[in-house]
Amino acid sequence: MTGLIFALALCICIVLVPLVQDTSYTLTAILFTIMGFALYGPHMLFAVGCLDVTHKDAAGSITGFRGLFSYVGAAMAGVPVIMVKNSWAWSGVYIYAVIAILLTTLSLALLSKLHRL
């Protein structure tokens, strides 16, 4: 459920940023701040989950491996974004991001519903 809330906040902010970026610097900064919390929140929850399931002597190792695979995955995810930007400019990147977040939100909503059963 927490991941769903973060995904919804991120989706709303990404939709609003192109609409307000030319009108209000303050509102754009607030939206980017919320986006930062929405991106970093699940990252930290994943770290806490990894630390929770491992032995206390292996906390440094598990955190290192988690960081390695998280950042390798993030780097690999950046390649399609570059391809979209080169083909359709930044408006394509916004559309790509909204579609990806909507699919993530849908998946999290389905998992949340199945988990309650």
N, C-alpha and C. Protein backbone atom coordinates (compact mmCIF):
# COMPACT_ATOMS: atom_id res chain seq x y z
N MET A 1 0.82 -1.20 0.00
CA MET A 1 0.00 0.00 0.00
C MET A 1 0.87 1.27 0.00
N THR A 2 1.98 1.20 0.71
CA THR A 2 2.87 2.36 0.76
C THR A 2 3.45 2.66 -0.61
N GLY A 3 3.85 1.61 -1.33
CA GLY A 3 4.38 1.79 -2.68
C GLY A 3 3.36 2.42 -3.61
N LEU A 4 2.11 2.06 -3.42
CA LEU A 4 1.03 2.62 -4.23
C LEU A 4 0.89 4.13 -3.98
N ILE A 5 0.99 4.53 -2.74
CA ILE A 5 0.90 5.96 -2.40
C ILE A 5 2.06 6.73 -3.02
N PHE A 6 3.28 6.17 -2.92
CA PHE A 6 4.44 6.82 -3.53
C PHE A 6 4.27 6.91 -5.05
N ALA A 7 3.78 5.84 -5.68
CA ALA A 7 3.60 5.84 -7.14
C ALA A 7 2.56 6.86 -7.57
N LEU A 8 1.47 6.97 -6.82
CA LEU A 8 0.44 7.96 -7.16
C LEU A 8 0.98 9.39 -7.02
N ALA A 9 1.73 9.64 -5.94
CA ALA A 9 2.31 10.97 -5.75
C ALA A 9 3.26 11.31 -6.90
N LEU A 10 4.06 10.35 -7.30
CA LEU A 10 4.99 10.57 -8.40
C LEU A 10 4.26 10.82 -9.71
N CYS A 11 3.21 10.07 -9.96
CA CYS A 11 2.44 10.24 -11.20
C CYS A 11 1.78 11.62 -11.25
N ILE A 12 1.19 12.03 -10.16
CA ILE A 12 0.54 13.34 -10.12
C ILE A 12 1.56 14.46 -10.35
N CYS A 13 2.72 14.35 -9.71
CA CYS A 13 3.74 15.39 -9.87
C CYS A 13 4.28 15.44 -11.30
N ILE A 14 4.50 14.28 -11.91
CA ILE A 14 5.04 14.28 -13.27
C ILE A 14 4.02 14.84 -14.26
N VAL A 15 2.75 14.62 -14.00
CA VAL A 15 1.72 15.20 -14.88
C VAL A 15 1.65 16.71 -14.69
N LEU A 16 1.82 17.19 -13.47
CA LEU A 16 1.67 18.62 -13.19
C LEU A 16 2.89 19.46 -13.57
N VAL A 17 4.09 18.89 -13.53
CA VAL A 17 5.30 19.68 -13.79
C VAL A 17 5.27 20.37 -15.16
N PRO A 18 4.97 19.68 -16.26
CA PRO A 18 4.96 20.41 -17.55
C PRO A 18 3.89 21.49 -17.62
N LEU A 19 2.84 21.34 -16.82
CA LEU A 19 1.75 22.32 -16.86
C LEU A 19 2.09 23.61 -16.11
N VAL A 20 2.93 23.51 -15.06
CA VAL A 20 3.19 24.69 -14.23
C VAL A 20 4.62 25.21 -14.32
N GLN A 21 5.49 24.54 -15.07
CA GLN A 21 6.90 24.95 -15.04
C GLN A 21 7.14 26.33 -15.62
N ASP A 22 6.29 26.80 -16.49
CA ASP A 22 6.47 28.13 -17.06
C ASP A 22 5.76 29.23 -16.27
N THR A 23 4.89 28.85 -15.35
CA THR A 23 4.09 29.84 -14.64
C THR A 23 4.59 30.13 -13.23
N SER A 24 5.03 29.10 -12.51
CA SER A 24 5.38 29.31 -11.11
C SER A 24 6.64 28.52 -10.74
N TYR A 25 7.69 29.25 -10.43
CA TYR A 25 8.94 28.61 -10.00
C TYR A 25 8.74 27.90 -8.67
N THR A 26 8.01 28.53 -7.75
CA THR A 26 7.79 27.94 -6.43
C THR A 26 7.02 26.64 -6.51
N LEU A 27 5.95 26.63 -7.28
CA LEU A 27 5.16 25.41 -7.42
C LEU A 27 5.96 24.30 -8.11
N THR A 28 6.79 24.67 -9.07
CA THR A 28 7.65 23.68 -9.72
C THR A 28 8.64 23.09 -8.72
N ALA A 29 9.22 23.94 -7.87
CA ALA A 29 10.15 23.46 -6.85
C ALA A 29 9.46 22.54 -5.86
N ILE A 30 8.23 22.89 -5.47
CA ILE A 30 7.47 22.04 -4.55
C ILE A 30 7.18 20.69 -5.19
N LEU A 31 6.80 20.69 -6.46
CA LEU A 31 6.52 19.43 -7.15
C LEU A 31 7.77 18.57 -7.26
N PHE A 32 8.92 19.18 -7.54
CA PHE A 32 10.15 18.40 -7.60
C PHE A 32 10.55 17.87 -6.22
N THR A 33 10.25 18.62 -5.16
CA THR A 33 10.50 18.13 -3.81
C THR A 33 9.65 16.91 -3.50
N ILE A 34 8.38 16.98 -3.85
CA ILE A 34 7.48 15.83 -3.64
C ILE A 34 7.94 14.64 -4.48
N MET A 35 8.40 14.91 -5.71
CA MET A 35 8.92 13.83 -6.56
C MET A 35 10.14 13.18 -5.92
N GLY A 36 10.99 13.97 -5.31
CA GLY A 36 12.17 13.42 -4.62
C GLY A 36 11.78 12.50 -3.48
N PHE A 37 10.80 12.93 -2.67
CA PHE A 37 10.32 12.07 -1.59
C PHE A 37 9.68 10.80 -2.15
N ALA A 38 8.92 10.93 -3.23
CA ALA A 38 8.24 9.78 -3.81
C ALA A 38 9.22 8.79 -4.44
N LEU A 39 10.35 9.27 -4.90
CA LEU A 39 11.37 8.37 -5.46
C LEU A 39 12.25 7.76 -4.38
N TYR A 40 12.62 8.56 -3.39
CA TYR A 40 13.56 8.08 -2.38
C TYR A 40 12.88 7.24 -1.30
N GLY A 41 11.59 7.43 -1.08
CA GLY A 41 10.88 6.66 -0.06
C GLY A 41 10.92 5.16 -0.29
N PRO A 42 10.53 4.67 -1.46
CA PRO A 42 10.62 3.22 -1.70
C PRO A 42 12.06 2.70 -1.67
N HIS A 43 13.00 3.54 -2.09
CA HIS A 43 14.41 3.15 -2.06
C HIS A 43 14.83 2.86 -0.61
N MET A 44 14.45 3.73 0.31
CA MET A 44 14.80 3.53 1.72
C MET A 44 14.03 2.37 2.33
N LEU A 45 12.77 2.20 1.96
CA LEU A 45 12.00 1.07 2.48
C LEU A 45 12.60 -0.25 2.02
N PHE A 46 13.11 -0.29 0.80
CA PHE A 46 13.78 -1.49 0.30
C PHE A 46 15.04 -1.77 1.12
N ALA A 47 15.79 -0.73 1.46
CA ALA A 47 16.99 -0.90 2.28
C ALA A 47 16.64 -1.42 3.67
N VAL A 48 15.60 -0.87 4.27
CA VAL A 48 15.18 -1.33 5.59
C VAL A 48 14.71 -2.78 5.54
N GLY A 49 13.99 -3.14 4.47
CA GLY A 49 13.55 -4.53 4.31
C GLY A 49 14.72 -5.48 4.19
N CYS A 50 15.75 -5.08 3.44
CA CYS A 50 16.94 -5.93 3.31
C CYS A 50 17.65 -6.09 4.65
N LEU A 51 17.75 -5.01 5.40
CA LEU A 51 18.41 -5.08 6.70
C LEU A 51 17.59 -5.90 7.70
N ASP A 52 16.29 -5.89 7.53
CA ASP A 52 15.42 -6.61 8.45
C ASP A 52 15.53 -8.12 8.30
N VAL A 53 15.79 -8.61 7.10
CA VAL A 53 15.80 -10.06 6.87
C VAL A 53 17.19 -10.67 6.95
N THR A 54 18.21 -9.89 7.22
CA THR A 54 19.56 -10.44 7.28
C THR A 54 20.10 -10.38 8.71
N HIS A 55 21.18 -11.10 8.93
CA HIS A 55 21.84 -11.10 10.24
C HIS A 55 22.56 -9.78 10.45
N LYS A 56 22.68 -9.37 11.70
CA LYS A 56 23.28 -8.06 11.97
C LYS A 56 24.75 -7.99 11.55
N ASP A 57 25.44 -9.12 11.50
CA ASP A 57 26.84 -9.11 11.06
C ASP A 57 26.98 -8.91 9.55
N ALA A 58 25.91 -9.14 8.81
CA ALA A 58 25.96 -9.00 7.35
C ALA A 58 25.26 -7.73 6.86
N ALA A 59 24.99 -6.81 7.76
CA ALA A 59 24.25 -5.60 7.39
C ALA A 59 24.99 -4.77 6.34
N GLY A 60 26.30 -4.62 6.49
CA GLY A 60 27.07 -3.86 5.51
C GLY A 60 27.10 -4.53 4.15
N SER A 61 27.23 -5.85 4.15
CA SER A 61 27.27 -6.58 2.88
C SER A 61 25.95 -6.49 2.14
N ILE A 62 24.86 -6.70 2.86
CA ILE A 62 23.55 -6.67 2.20
C ILE A 62 23.23 -5.27 1.69
N THR A 63 23.63 -4.26 2.43
CA THR A 63 23.40 -2.89 1.98
C THR A 63 24.23 -2.59 0.72
N GLY A 64 25.46 -3.09 0.68
CA GLY A 64 26.29 -2.90 -0.51
C GLY A 64 25.73 -3.59 -1.73
N PHE A 65 25.30 -4.85 -1.56
CA PHE A 65 24.71 -5.57 -2.69
C PHE A 65 23.40 -4.92 -3.15
N ARG A 66 22.60 -4.47 -2.20
CA ARG A 66 21.36 -3.80 -2.56
C ARG A 66 21.64 -2.54 -3.35
N GLY A 67 22.60 -1.77 -2.91
CA GLY A 67 22.97 -0.56 -3.63
C GLY A 67 23.51 -0.85 -5.02
N LEU A 68 24.35 -1.89 -5.11
CA LEU A 68 24.91 -2.27 -6.41
C LEU A 68 23.81 -2.59 -7.40
N PHE A 69 22.91 -3.48 -7.02
CA PHE A 69 21.87 -3.91 -7.96
C PHE A 69 20.84 -2.80 -8.21
N SER A 70 20.59 -1.97 -7.21
CA SER A 70 19.66 -0.86 -7.42
C SER A 70 20.20 0.13 -8.44
N TYR A 71 21.46 0.49 -8.30
CA TYR A 71 22.02 1.49 -9.20
C TYR A 71 22.34 0.93 -10.58
N VAL A 72 22.69 -0.36 -10.68
CA VAL A 72 22.86 -0.98 -12.00
C VAL A 72 21.51 -1.00 -12.72
N GLY A 73 20.45 -1.35 -11.98
CA GLY A 73 19.11 -1.35 -12.57
C GLY A 73 18.68 0.05 -13.00
N ALA A 74 19.00 1.04 -12.19
CA ALA A 74 18.65 2.42 -12.55
C ALA A 74 19.41 2.87 -13.80
N ALA A 75 20.68 2.49 -13.90
CA ALA A 75 21.45 2.85 -15.09
C ALA A 75 20.89 2.17 -16.33
N MET A 76 20.50 0.90 -16.20
CA MET A 76 19.93 0.19 -17.34
C MET A 76 18.57 0.76 -17.72
N ALA A 77 17.83 1.25 -16.75
CA ALA A 77 16.52 1.84 -17.04
C ALA A 77 16.66 3.19 -17.74
N GLY A 78 17.81 3.83 -17.60
CA GLY A 78 18.01 5.12 -18.24
C GLY A 78 18.20 5.04 -19.75
N VAL A 79 18.62 3.89 -20.26
CA VAL A 79 18.85 3.75 -21.70
C VAL A 79 17.57 3.96 -22.51
N PRO A 80 16.44 3.32 -22.16
CA PRO A 80 15.22 3.60 -22.93
C PRO A 80 14.77 5.06 -22.85
N VAL A 81 15.04 5.70 -21.72
CA VAL A 81 14.66 7.11 -21.59
C VAL A 81 15.47 7.96 -22.57
N ILE A 82 16.74 7.68 -22.71
CA ILE A 82 17.57 8.41 -23.67
C ILE A 82 17.08 8.18 -25.09
N MET A 83 16.70 6.95 -25.40
CA MET A 83 16.20 6.65 -26.74
C MET A 83 14.90 7.40 -27.02
N VAL A 84 14.01 7.46 -26.02
CA VAL A 84 12.75 8.20 -26.19
C VAL A 84 13.03 9.68 -26.36
N LYS A 85 13.96 10.24 -25.56
CA LYS A 85 14.28 11.66 -25.67
C LYS A 85 14.87 12.00 -27.03
N ASN A 86 15.72 11.14 -27.55
CA ASN A 86 16.31 11.40 -28.86
C ASN A 86 15.28 11.33 -29.98
N SER A 87 14.25 10.51 -29.81
CA SER A 87 13.25 10.36 -30.86
C SER A 87 12.10 11.36 -30.75
N TRP A 88 11.62 11.62 -29.52
CA TRP A 88 10.41 12.43 -29.34
C TRP A 88 10.60 13.63 -28.42
N ALA A 89 11.80 14.02 -28.11
CA ALA A 89 12.11 15.16 -27.25
C ALA A 89 11.58 14.94 -25.83
N TRP A 90 11.53 16.02 -25.06
CA TRP A 90 11.16 15.88 -23.65
C TRP A 90 9.68 15.57 -23.45
N SER A 91 8.83 15.97 -24.37
CA SER A 91 7.41 15.62 -24.22
C SER A 91 7.24 14.11 -24.29
N GLY A 92 8.03 13.44 -25.10
CA GLY A 92 7.99 11.98 -25.15
C GLY A 92 8.46 11.35 -23.86
N VAL A 93 9.46 11.97 -23.22
CA VAL A 93 9.95 11.45 -21.94
C VAL A 93 8.87 11.56 -20.88
N TYR A 94 8.15 12.69 -20.85
CA TYR A 94 7.05 12.84 -19.88
C TYR A 94 5.97 11.80 -20.12
N ILE A 95 5.61 11.58 -21.37
CA ILE A 95 4.58 10.58 -21.68
C ILE A 95 5.07 9.19 -21.29
N TYR A 96 6.33 8.89 -21.60
CA TYR A 96 6.92 7.60 -21.24
C TYR A 96 6.89 7.40 -19.72
N ALA A 97 7.26 8.45 -18.97
CA ALA A 97 7.28 8.35 -17.51
C ALA A 97 5.88 8.14 -16.95
N VAL A 98 4.91 8.88 -17.47
CA VAL A 98 3.53 8.73 -16.98
C VAL A 98 3.01 7.33 -17.28
N ILE A 99 3.28 6.81 -18.47
CA ILE A 99 2.82 5.45 -18.80
C ILE A 99 3.49 4.43 -17.88
N ALA A 100 4.79 4.58 -17.65
CA ALA A 100 5.50 3.64 -16.77
C ALA A 100 4.96 3.70 -15.34
N ILE A 101 4.69 4.90 -14.85
CA ILE A 101 4.18 5.03 -13.48
C ILE A 101 2.75 4.54 -13.38
N LEU A 102 1.95 4.77 -14.41
CA LEU A 102 0.58 4.24 -14.39
C LEU A 102 0.58 2.72 -14.39
N LEU A 103 1.47 2.10 -15.16
CA LEU A 103 1.58 0.64 -15.14
C LEU A 103 2.06 0.14 -13.77
N THR A 104 2.99 0.87 -13.17
CA THR A 104 3.45 0.52 -11.83
C THR A 104 2.32 0.65 -10.82
N THR A 105 1.57 1.73 -10.90
CA THR A 105 0.45 1.95 -9.98
C THR A 105 -0.60 0.86 -10.15
N LEU A 106 -0.91 0.50 -11.37
CA LEU A 106 -1.87 -0.57 -11.62
C LEU A 106 -1.38 -1.89 -11.04
N SER A 107 -0.11 -2.20 -11.26
CA SER A 107 0.45 -3.44 -10.71
C SER A 107 0.41 -3.44 -9.19
N LEU A 108 0.78 -2.32 -8.57
CA LEU A 108 0.75 -2.24 -7.11
C LEU A 108 -0.67 -2.32 -6.57
N ALA A 109 -1.63 -1.73 -7.28
CA ALA A 109 -3.02 -1.81 -6.84
C ALA A 109 -3.52 -3.25 -6.91
N LEU A 110 -3.18 -3.96 -7.98
CA LEU A 110 -3.58 -5.37 -8.09
C LEU A 110 -2.92 -6.22 -7.01
N LEU A 111 -1.64 -5.99 -6.76
CA LEU A 111 -0.97 -6.74 -5.70
C LEU A 111 -1.55 -6.43 -4.33
N SER A 112 -1.89 -5.17 -4.11
CA SER A 112 -2.49 -4.78 -2.83
C SER A 112 -3.84 -5.46 -2.64
N LYS A 113 -4.62 -5.53 -3.70
CA LYS A 113 -5.93 -6.19 -3.62
C LYS A 113 -5.77 -7.69 -3.40
N LEU A 114 -4.83 -8.32 -4.10
CA LEU A 114 -4.61 -9.75 -3.94
C LEU A 114 -4.06 -10.08 -2.55
N HIS A 115 -3.26 -9.18 -2.01
CA HIS A 115 -2.67 -9.41 -0.69
C HIS A 115 -3.73 -9.39 0.41
N ARG A 116 -4.77 -8.63 0.22
CA ARG A 116 -5.84 -8.54 1.23
C ARG A 116 -6.71 -9.79 1.27
N LEU A 117 -6.74 -10.56 0.17
CA LEU A 117 -7.61 -11.74 0.12
C LEU A 117 -7.16 -12.81 1.04
